Protein backbone atom coordinates (compact mmCIF):
# COMPACT_ATOMS: atom_id res chain seq x y z
CA MET A 1 7.31 -16.49 23.14
CA ILE A 2 4.55 -15.73 20.64
CA GLU A 3 2.38 -18.52 19.32
CA PRO A 4 1.31 -18.24 15.67
CA THR A 5 -1.59 -20.12 14.16
CA SER A 6 0.63 -23.05 13.19
CA GLY A 7 0.77 -24.06 16.86
CA ARG A 8 4.52 -23.47 17.16
CA GLU A 9 5.95 -20.69 19.26
CA PHE A 10 8.25 -18.18 17.62
CA PRO A 11 11.28 -17.54 19.89
CA LEU A 12 11.04 -13.75 19.78
CA ARG A 13 12.91 -13.10 23.01
CA GLU A 14 15.73 -15.44 22.05
CA ALA A 15 15.93 -13.79 18.61
CA HIS A 16 16.10 -10.32 20.15
CA ASN A 17 18.91 -11.35 22.49
CA LEU A 18 20.93 -12.55 19.51
CA VAL A 19 20.73 -9.23 17.65
CA ARG A 20 20.26 -6.62 20.36
CA ASP A 21 23.67 -5.05 19.62
CA LEU A 22 22.76 -4.45 15.95
CA MET A 23 20.20 -1.67 16.47
CA THR A 24 22.47 1.37 16.13
CA PRO A 25 22.76 2.96 12.65
CA ASN A 26 26.20 3.92 11.40
CA PRO A 27 26.01 7.44 9.87
CA TRP A 28 29.18 6.86 7.83
CA ILE A 29 27.60 3.91 6.02
CA TYR A 30 24.43 5.88 5.31
CA TRP A 31 26.29 8.88 3.94
CA LEU A 32 28.83 6.94 1.85
CA ASP A 33 26.27 4.56 0.38
CA PHE A 34 23.76 7.27 -0.47
CA LEU A 35 26.22 9.84 -1.82
CA LEU A 36 28.01 7.22 -3.93
CA HIS A 37 24.82 6.05 -5.63
CA ILE A 38 23.10 9.41 -6.06
CA SER A 39 26.33 10.81 -7.57
CA LEU A 40 26.57 7.79 -9.85
CA GLY A 41 22.94 8.24 -10.81
CA TRP A 42 23.28 11.91 -11.79
CA ALA A 43 26.56 11.27 -13.64
CA ALA A 44 24.96 8.43 -15.61
CA PHE A 45 21.91 10.60 -16.29
CA ALA A 46 24.17 13.29 -17.75
CA MET A 47 25.80 10.66 -19.96
CA VAL A 48 22.36 9.55 -21.15
CA LEU A 49 21.69 13.10 -22.35
CA LEU A 50 25.11 13.55 -23.95
CA THR A 51 25.43 10.28 -25.88
CA PRO A 52 23.78 9.41 -29.23
CA LEU A 53 20.18 8.22 -29.03
CA LEU A 54 19.86 4.45 -28.52
CA SER A 55 23.61 3.97 -28.71
CA LEU A 56 25.24 1.28 -26.58
CA TRP A 57 26.73 3.97 -24.37
CA GLN A 58 23.36 5.61 -23.80
CA ILE A 59 21.57 2.35 -23.03
CA SER A 60 24.34 1.33 -20.63
CA ALA A 61 24.21 4.72 -18.91
CA LEU A 62 20.42 4.46 -18.67
CA VAL A 63 20.68 1.10 -16.91
CA VAL A 64 23.31 2.41 -14.50
CA ALA A 65 21.26 5.54 -13.77
CA THR A 66 18.13 3.50 -13.11
CA PHE A 67 19.73 1.15 -10.58
CA ALA A 68 21.74 3.93 -8.93
CA PHE A 69 18.69 6.17 -8.53
CA TYR A 70 16.64 3.19 -7.36
CA ARG A 71 19.06 2.45 -4.54
CA ALA A 72 19.38 6.12 -3.57
CA ALA A 73 15.61 6.58 -3.59
CA THR A 74 15.08 3.50 -1.42
CA PHE A 75 16.70 5.34 1.48
CA ILE A 76 13.25 6.87 1.93
CA HIS A 77 12.42 3.61 3.70
CA GLU A 78 15.28 4.12 6.15
CA LEU A 79 14.19 7.72 6.75
CA ALA A 80 10.76 6.41 7.73
CA HIS A 81 12.33 4.21 10.43
CA LEU A 82 15.20 6.27 11.81
CA LYS A 83 14.68 7.46 15.36
CA LYS A 84 12.63 10.64 15.49
CA GLY A 85 14.79 13.76 15.45
CA THR A 86 17.94 12.00 14.23
CA PHE A 87 19.76 12.18 10.87
CA LYS A 88 18.32 15.67 10.23
CA LEU A 89 21.10 16.73 7.85
CA PHE A 90 20.92 13.41 6.01
CA ARG A 91 17.16 13.84 5.58
CA LEU A 92 17.66 17.38 4.23
CA VAL A 93 20.38 16.36 1.76
CA TRP A 94 18.42 13.31 0.64
CA ASN A 95 15.43 15.48 -0.16
CA LEU A 96 17.47 18.15 -1.95
CA ILE A 97 19.40 15.90 -4.33
CA CYS A 98 17.17 12.83 -4.55
CA GLY A 99 13.65 13.01 -3.15
CA ILE A 100 12.61 16.35 -4.61
CA PRO A 101 14.19 15.86 -8.07
CA LEU A 102 12.52 12.45 -8.30
CA LEU A 103 9.25 13.96 -7.00
CA ILE A 104 9.13 11.63 -4.01
CA PRO A 105 9.95 13.94 -1.07
CA SER A 106 10.26 12.06 2.21
CA PHE A 107 6.92 13.31 3.57
CA THR A 108 5.15 11.03 1.08
CA TYR A 109 6.37 8.04 3.13
CA ASP A 110 6.91 9.51 6.57
CA GLY A 111 4.07 8.61 8.92
CA VAL A 112 2.47 6.46 6.23
CA HIS A 113 4.91 3.57 6.39
CA SER A 114 4.84 3.45 10.20
CA ASP A 115 1.18 2.39 9.98
CA HIS A 116 2.30 -0.67 8.00
CA HIS A 117 4.16 -1.85 11.12
CA LYS A 118 1.42 -1.19 13.65
CA PRO A 119 -0.01 -4.45 15.07
CA ASP A 120 -3.62 -3.30 14.69
CA VAL A 121 -3.10 -2.00 11.12
CA TYR A 122 -0.78 -4.42 9.30
CA GLY A 123 -2.60 -6.45 6.67
CA THR A 124 -5.97 -4.82 7.31
CA ALA A 125 -8.00 -2.43 5.18
CA LYS A 126 -6.22 0.46 6.96
CA ASP A 127 -2.81 -0.66 5.69
CA GLY A 128 -2.01 1.27 2.51
CA GLU A 129 0.94 -1.03 1.78
CA TYR A 130 -1.00 -4.28 1.81
CA ILE A 131 -3.42 -5.84 -0.67
CA PRO A 132 -4.41 -9.54 -0.26
CA PHE A 133 -3.09 -10.44 -3.72
CA ALA A 134 -2.92 -14.15 -2.87
CA THR A 135 -6.71 -14.22 -2.46
CA LEU A 136 -7.49 -12.17 -5.58
CA ARG A 137 -7.35 -12.96 -9.27
CA PRO A 138 -3.77 -12.99 -10.63
CA ALA A 139 -4.87 -10.13 -12.90
CA ALA A 140 -4.79 -7.89 -9.81
CA MET A 141 -1.03 -8.38 -9.59
CA VAL A 142 -0.62 -7.77 -13.31
CA GLY A 143 -2.60 -4.56 -13.03
CA TYR A 144 -0.52 -3.42 -10.07
CA VAL A 145 2.74 -3.98 -11.99
CA LEU A 146 1.45 -2.29 -15.15
CA LEU A 147 0.45 0.72 -13.08
CA SER A 148 4.18 1.39 -12.70
CA PHE A 149 4.33 2.67 -16.28
CA ILE A 150 1.92 5.56 -15.63
CA ILE A 151 2.70 6.40 -12.00
CA PRO A 152 5.34 9.02 -12.95
CA ILE A 153 2.55 10.99 -14.68
CA PHE A 154 0.66 11.03 -11.40
CA PHE A 155 3.62 12.56 -9.56
CA ILE A 156 4.07 15.23 -12.23
CA VAL A 157 0.38 16.13 -12.04
CA ARG A 158 0.44 16.04 -8.25
CA PHE A 159 3.26 18.57 -7.85
CA LEU A 160 2.99 20.59 -11.05
CA LEU A 161 -0.79 21.10 -11.09
CA LEU A 162 -2.50 19.92 -7.90
CA THR A 163 -0.08 21.67 -5.56
CA PRO A 164 -0.69 25.24 -6.87
CA LEU A 165 -4.39 24.55 -7.39
CA SER A 166 -4.72 23.40 -3.80
CA TYR A 167 -3.19 26.72 -2.70
CA LEU A 168 -5.88 28.57 -4.64
CA PHE A 169 -8.78 26.30 -3.67
CA PRO A 170 -8.54 25.27 0.01
CA PRO A 171 -11.14 22.48 -0.24
CA LEU A 172 -8.84 20.74 -2.71
CA ARG A 173 -6.07 20.83 -0.11
CA LYS A 174 -7.74 18.16 2.02
CA PHE A 175 -8.23 15.88 -0.98
CA VAL A 176 -4.61 16.25 -2.11
CA TRP A 177 -3.34 15.37 1.36
CA GLU A 178 -5.62 12.39 1.84
CA ARG A 179 -5.54 10.89 -1.64
CA ALA A 180 -2.42 12.17 -3.42
CA SER A 181 0.36 12.46 -0.85
CA SER A 182 1.27 8.87 0.04
CA LEU A 183 3.57 6.24 -1.41
CA THR A 184 1.26 3.24 -1.05
CA ILE A 185 0.07 0.34 -3.18
CA ASP A 186 -3.60 0.63 -2.24
CA MET A 187 -5.12 3.36 -4.41
CA SER A 188 -8.08 3.66 -2.03
CA TYR A 189 -5.81 4.55 0.91
CA LYS A 190 -6.87 7.67 2.77
CA ARG A 191 -4.10 9.44 4.66
CA GLU A 192 -4.94 10.68 8.14
CA ALA A 193 -4.49 14.37 8.91
CA ASN A 194 -1.86 13.63 11.58
CA ALA A 195 0.08 11.02 9.57
CA ILE A 196 3.44 12.75 9.98
CA ARG A 197 6.31 11.51 12.13
CA ASN A 198 9.48 13.44 11.25
CA ASP A 199 8.64 15.69 8.31
CA THR A 200 6.79 18.50 10.06
CA ASN A 201 8.20 20.75 7.32
CA TRP A 202 6.35 18.78 4.66
CA ARG A 203 4.83 21.94 3.19
CA LEU A 204 8.34 23.19 2.35
CA GLN A 205 9.14 19.86 0.72
CA GLU A 206 5.94 20.04 -1.29
CA PHE A 207 6.66 23.59 -2.42
CA ALA A 208 10.24 22.66 -3.36
CA ALA A 209 8.97 19.78 -5.50
CA PHE A 210 6.49 22.13 -7.15
CA MET A 211 9.25 24.66 -7.88
CA PHE A 212 11.59 21.97 -9.22
CA ILE A 213 9.18 20.51 -11.78
CA THR A 214 7.92 24.00 -12.68
CA ILE A 215 11.46 25.21 -13.41
CA VAL A 216 12.25 22.09 -15.44
CA VAL A 217 9.08 22.43 -17.56
CA GLY A 218 9.67 26.18 -17.89
CA CYS A 219 13.25 25.70 -19.08
CA ILE A 220 12.12 23.12 -21.61
CA SER A 221 9.43 25.52 -22.88
CA LEU A 222 12.01 28.29 -23.27
CA GLY A 223 14.47 26.03 -25.05
CA LEU A 224 16.98 26.18 -22.22
CA LEU A 225 16.71 22.44 -21.69
CA THR A 226 16.01 19.69 -24.16
CA TYR A 227 12.70 17.90 -23.75
CA MET A 228 14.72 14.69 -23.54
CA VAL A 229 15.50 15.61 -19.91
CA LEU A 230 11.87 14.97 -19.02
CA VAL A 231 11.58 11.98 -21.33
CA PHE A 232 14.52 10.16 -19.78
CA TRP A 233 13.47 11.23 -16.26
CA TYR A 234 10.15 9.55 -17.00
CA VAL A 235 11.76 6.39 -18.39
CA ILE A 236 14.03 6.03 -15.36
CA ALA A 237 11.18 6.70 -12.92
CA MET A 238 9.00 4.19 -14.78
CA PHE A 239 11.55 1.40 -14.50
CA ILE A 240 12.24 2.24 -10.84
CA PHE A 241 8.54 1.82 -10.04
CA PHE A 242 8.44 -1.33 -12.18
CA MET A 243 11.29 -2.97 -10.27
CA ASN A 244 9.86 -1.85 -6.98
CA SER A 245 6.46 -3.32 -7.84
CA LEU A 246 8.04 -6.74 -8.41
CA ARG A 247 10.04 -6.36 -5.21
CA THR A 248 6.86 -5.41 -3.33
CA LEU A 249 5.08 -8.52 -4.56
CA SER A 250 8.08 -10.51 -3.29
CA ALA A 251 7.99 -8.90 0.16
CA HIS A 252 4.88 -10.51 1.68
CA ALA A 253 2.63 -13.52 1.24
CA TYR A 254 -0.43 -11.20 1.02
CA ARG A 255 -2.90 -13.77 2.33
CA ASN A 256 -4.57 -11.83 5.13
CA PRO A 257 -8.24 -10.78 4.75
CA PRO A 258 -8.63 -7.00 5.19
CA ASP A 259 -11.01 -7.42 8.13
CA ARG A 260 -8.71 -9.62 10.22
CA ARG A 261 -6.06 -8.36 12.62
CA MET A 262 -2.84 -10.39 12.71
CA GLU A 263 -0.69 -11.16 15.72
CA PHE A 264 2.92 -10.02 15.63
CA ALA A 265 4.31 -13.47 14.84
CA GLN A 266 1.72 -13.88 12.08
CA GLN A 267 2.85 -10.58 10.56
CA TYR A 268 6.40 -11.86 10.50
CA LEU A 269 5.39 -15.19 8.97
CA ASP A 270 3.43 -13.27 6.32
CA SER A 271 6.66 -11.50 5.34
CA ILE A 272 9.47 -12.80 3.16
CA ASN A 273 13.27 -12.97 3.19
CA VAL A 274 15.10 -13.34 -0.11
CA PRO A 275 18.77 -13.43 0.99
CA GLY A 276 20.03 -14.26 -2.51
CA ASN A 277 23.42 -12.61 -2.95
CA LEU A 278 24.75 -9.14 -2.30
CA PHE A 279 25.09 -8.10 -5.93
CA ILE A 280 22.16 -9.54 -7.89
CA THR A 281 19.47 -9.55 -5.19
CA GLY A 282 20.79 -6.24 -3.91
CA LEU A 283 19.99 -4.65 -7.28
CA TRP A 284 16.24 -5.31 -7.16
CA ALA A 285 15.89 -5.30 -3.36
CA PRO A 286 18.39 -2.63 -2.29
CA VAL A 287 19.15 -1.10 1.11
CA GLY A 288 18.34 -4.23 3.09
CA LEU A 289 14.92 -4.90 1.58
CA ARG A 290 15.88 -8.48 0.69
CA TYR A 291 15.64 -9.20 4.43
CA HIS A 292 12.08 -7.95 4.66
CA ALA A 293 10.79 -10.53 7.13
CA THR A 294 13.73 -9.87 9.44
CA HIS A 295 12.99 -6.16 9.08
CA HIS A 296 9.43 -6.79 10.28
CA LEU A 297 10.84 -8.57 13.33
CA PHE A 298 13.16 -5.66 14.13
CA MET A 299 11.88 -2.61 12.30
CA SER A 300 14.35 -0.27 14.05
CA MET A 301 17.39 -2.24 12.90
CA PRO A 302 19.46 -0.28 10.32
CA TYR A 303 19.65 -1.82 6.89
CA HIS A 304 23.40 -2.43 7.02
CA ASN A 305 22.99 -4.86 9.95
CA LEU A 306 20.16 -6.98 8.57
CA GLY A 307 22.50 -9.41 6.80
CA GLU A 308 24.42 -10.06 10.03
CA ALA A 309 21.12 -10.48 11.89
CA GLN A 310 20.05 -13.05 9.31
CA ARG A 311 23.23 -15.07 9.83
CA ARG A 312 22.95 -14.95 13.62
CA LEU A 313 19.33 -16.04 13.66
CA VAL A 314 19.90 -18.92 11.23
CA ASN A 315 22.89 -20.20 13.20
CA GLY A 316 21.97 -19.11 16.73
CA LEU A 317 18.31 -19.95 17.28
CA ARG A 318 17.82 -23.26 19.06
CA ASP A 319 14.89 -23.94 16.74
CA ASN A 320 15.10 -21.88 13.54
CA THR A 321 12.38 -23.80 11.69
CA LEU A 322 9.82 -20.98 11.78
CA TYR A 323 12.46 -18.42 10.87
CA LEU A 324 13.40 -20.43 7.79
CA THR A 325 9.79 -20.65 6.61
CA THR A 326 9.99 -17.01 5.51
CA VAL A 327 12.84 -17.70 3.08
CA ARG A 328 12.43 -17.67 -0.69
CA THR A 329 15.25 -18.63 -3.04
CA GLY A 330 14.74 -15.63 -5.31
CA MET A 331 12.28 -13.16 -6.79
CA TRP A 332 10.99 -15.68 -9.30
CA ASN A 333 10.39 -18.21 -6.52
CA ALA A 334 8.43 -15.66 -4.48
CA LEU A 335 6.38 -14.44 -7.45
CA ARG A 336 5.64 -17.95 -8.67
CA ARG A 337 4.30 -18.97 -5.27
CA ILE A 338 2.01 -15.98 -4.81
CA TRP A 339 0.76 -16.38 -8.39
CA ALA A 340 0.01 -20.07 -7.75
CA GLU A 341 -1.86 -19.24 -4.55
CA ALA A 342 -3.90 -16.53 -6.25
CA SER A 343 -4.78 -18.91 -9.08
CA ALA A 344 -5.77 -21.64 -6.63
CA SER A 345 -7.80 -19.23 -4.54
CA THR A 346 -9.86 -17.93 -7.43
CA SER A 347 -10.42 -21.38 -8.89
CA GLY A 348 -11.58 -22.90 -5.62
CA ARG A 349 -8.62 -25.29 -5.37
CA ASN A 350 -7.01 -23.79 -2.27
CA GLY A 351 -9.05 -25.49 0.44
CA GLU A 352 -6.27 -27.86 1.46
CA ASN A 353 -3.61 -25.13 1.38
CA GLN A 354 -5.47 -23.14 4.04
CA LYS A 355 -4.78 -25.91 6.56
CA GLU A 356 -1.03 -25.52 6.21
CA PRO A 357 1.14 -22.98 8.09
CA LEU A 358 1.18 -19.38 6.87
CA ASN A 359 4.62 -19.88 5.38
CA ARG A 360 6.42 -23.09 4.57
CA VAL A 361 9.85 -23.83 3.19
CA GLU A 362 9.39 -24.99 -0.35
CA SER A 363 10.27 -28.61 -1.01
CA LEU A 364 12.89 -28.62 -3.71
CA PRO A 365 14.22 -31.70 -5.46
CA GLY A 366 17.12 -33.10 -3.47
CA ARG A 367 16.90 -30.38 -0.81
CA ASP A 368 15.42 -30.22 2.68
CA THR A 369 15.20 -27.63 5.45
CA THR A 370 18.70 -28.49 6.63
CA ALA A 371 20.07 -27.80 3.15
CA VAL A 372 18.35 -24.41 3.10
CA GLN A 373 19.80 -23.67 6.53
CA ASP A 374 23.31 -24.61 5.43
CA ARG A 375 23.06 -22.39 2.35
CA LEU A 376 21.86 -19.42 4.40
CA ALA A 377 24.53 -19.91 7.04
CA GLU A 378 27.19 -19.43 4.39
CA ARG A 379 25.91 -15.92 3.58
């Protein structure tokens, strides 16, 4: 048992016993899911280029391409967690037809995301995937979301310009690695020299991304490709980052001060589950990310088993009260709560809230914890 600050013990051992058989990834599910959505994404992208500008068909294809690419790209999170040395062919194919064309090769997350799960790093100043938004002005969240609309420019500059320049000027190489090679939300994050777990061939990935964007820009310059290829690539990338920024804000409570280390149970209680439903919630939180708190409990569990784990823990734990405190009813519910906390924090009206548990099930009209439990058990 682990005792969080609320004074209640989280039944970690009991929870592990309930889901211990769900830790093995099924390669067939990974391959079918990824290939289906990346194929759908490229087919829809082709339709975007072939249909009349701003026609209903083009807009529809653009929406399909965005969500399909978003889901396919999110497998980068799974690649960061898969057992070292496994799924080598899957990693290669993912990079060739998804990561490199979208300018997010897997090395940009490999080794970086694992720090987010380290007990002595999570929620601290060393965690590049954590900003204490709930203690900052709400404008900080607005700025983070708006950054999504210019991030694709950064990736183009990173691989089209900084990569070759860093080959010519070795001192720039260190800067590019530390400051421009990580998928994080903290712009001040500094990547360690040894922050690589699986992608020891990261230099090949980097060069491939450089060659890809160089060839695309070159073909556009020569008239072999229409400039709309890059325009629509940018639009799709922009909306992918936009959706992911909202999902990221819905993934944690973001209350921890950067100088305070959190216990494991506290890290879980600082994370959020948004079970929702398979189709709607799965669009904005794909590949298991709607079960983010459960993922932080069992970070090695494959995404396709997280839903079953959720059901077992809700129904099987002798006392599931703490587990249920991580649940939000939807994205809007999660965003509204963190916005309210940030507003209260900056206006000095959050003194009483600090005395309450890290996470609490929201009191809804006509609903109690039992009602929430019943609703979750049905999923």
